């Protein structure tokens, strides 16, 4: 299995078309919130400014 950033971007775009919500919004409302994953987050890296990783 190969890791692909562009593959994740395409997956997110398709997901957003199907659910009519942003990928981040859906994950926060339906995965992280109900599981009380309070220290887990996904952010929209396309918005500016954004933090730089290591």
Protein backbone atom coordinates (compact mmCIF):
# COMPACT_ATOMS: atom_id res chain seq x y z
CA UNK A 1 0.00 0.00 0.00
CA UNK A 2 1.32 3.44 -0.91
CA UNK A 3 0.66 6.73 0.84
CA UNK A 4 -0.58 9.48 -1.44
CA UNK A 5 -1.48 13.03 -0.44
CA UNK A 6 -3.32 13.57 -3.71
CA UNK A 7 -5.29 10.38 -3.08
CA UNK A 8 -6.46 11.76 0.26
CA UNK A 9 -7.39 15.06 -1.40
CA UNK A 10 -9.49 13.24 -3.99
CA UNK A 11 -11.08 11.04 -1.33
CA UNK A 12 -12.01 14.12 0.72
CA UNK A 13 -13.50 15.88 -2.31
CA UNK A 14 -15.66 12.87 -3.20
CA UNK A 15 -16.69 12.46 0.42
CA UNK A 16 -17.77 16.12 0.58
CA UNK A 17 -19.86 15.76 -2.57
CA UNK A 18 -21.68 12.74 -1.13
CA UNK A 19 -22.25 14.03 2.41
CA UNK A 20 -22.79 17.73 1.54
CA UNK A 21 -20.49 18.59 4.47
CA UNK A 22 -16.83 19.38 4.70
CA UNK A 23 -14.66 16.38 5.49
CA UNK A 24 -13.46 18.08 8.68
CA UNK A 25 -17.00 18.95 9.79
CA UNK A 26 -18.25 15.40 9.22
CA UNK A 27 -15.36 13.80 11.11
CA UNK A 28 -15.74 16.17 14.05
CA UNK A 29 -19.52 15.69 14.29
CA UNK A 30 -19.76 11.95 13.62
CA UNK A 31 -16.48 10.41 14.69
CA UNK A 32 -14.43 12.49 17.11
CA UNK A 33 -17.35 14.05 19.02
CA UNK A 34 -19.34 10.88 19.75
CA UNK A 35 -16.18 8.99 20.70
CA UNK A 36 -15.12 11.87 22.97
CA UNK A 37 -11.80 12.16 21.15
CA UNK A 38 -11.26 15.63 22.56
CA UNK A 39 -7.57 15.85 21.66
CA UNK A 40 -7.96 14.69 18.06
CA UNK A 41 -8.62 17.02 15.19
CA UNK A 42 -8.44 17.33 11.45
CA UNK A 43 -7.96 20.74 9.94
CA UNK A 44 -8.47 22.14 6.49
CA UNK A 45 -4.90 22.64 5.31
CA UNK A 46 -6.08 24.56 2.25
CA UNK A 47 -7.15 27.51 4.38
CA UNK A 48 -4.55 30.18 5.05
CA UNK A 49 -2.65 30.66 7.26
CA UNK A 50 -1.96 27.12 8.35
CA UNK A 51 0.57 25.62 10.75
CA UNK A 52 3.65 23.93 9.35
CA UNK A 53 4.40 20.36 10.40
CA UNK A 54 7.79 18.91 11.19
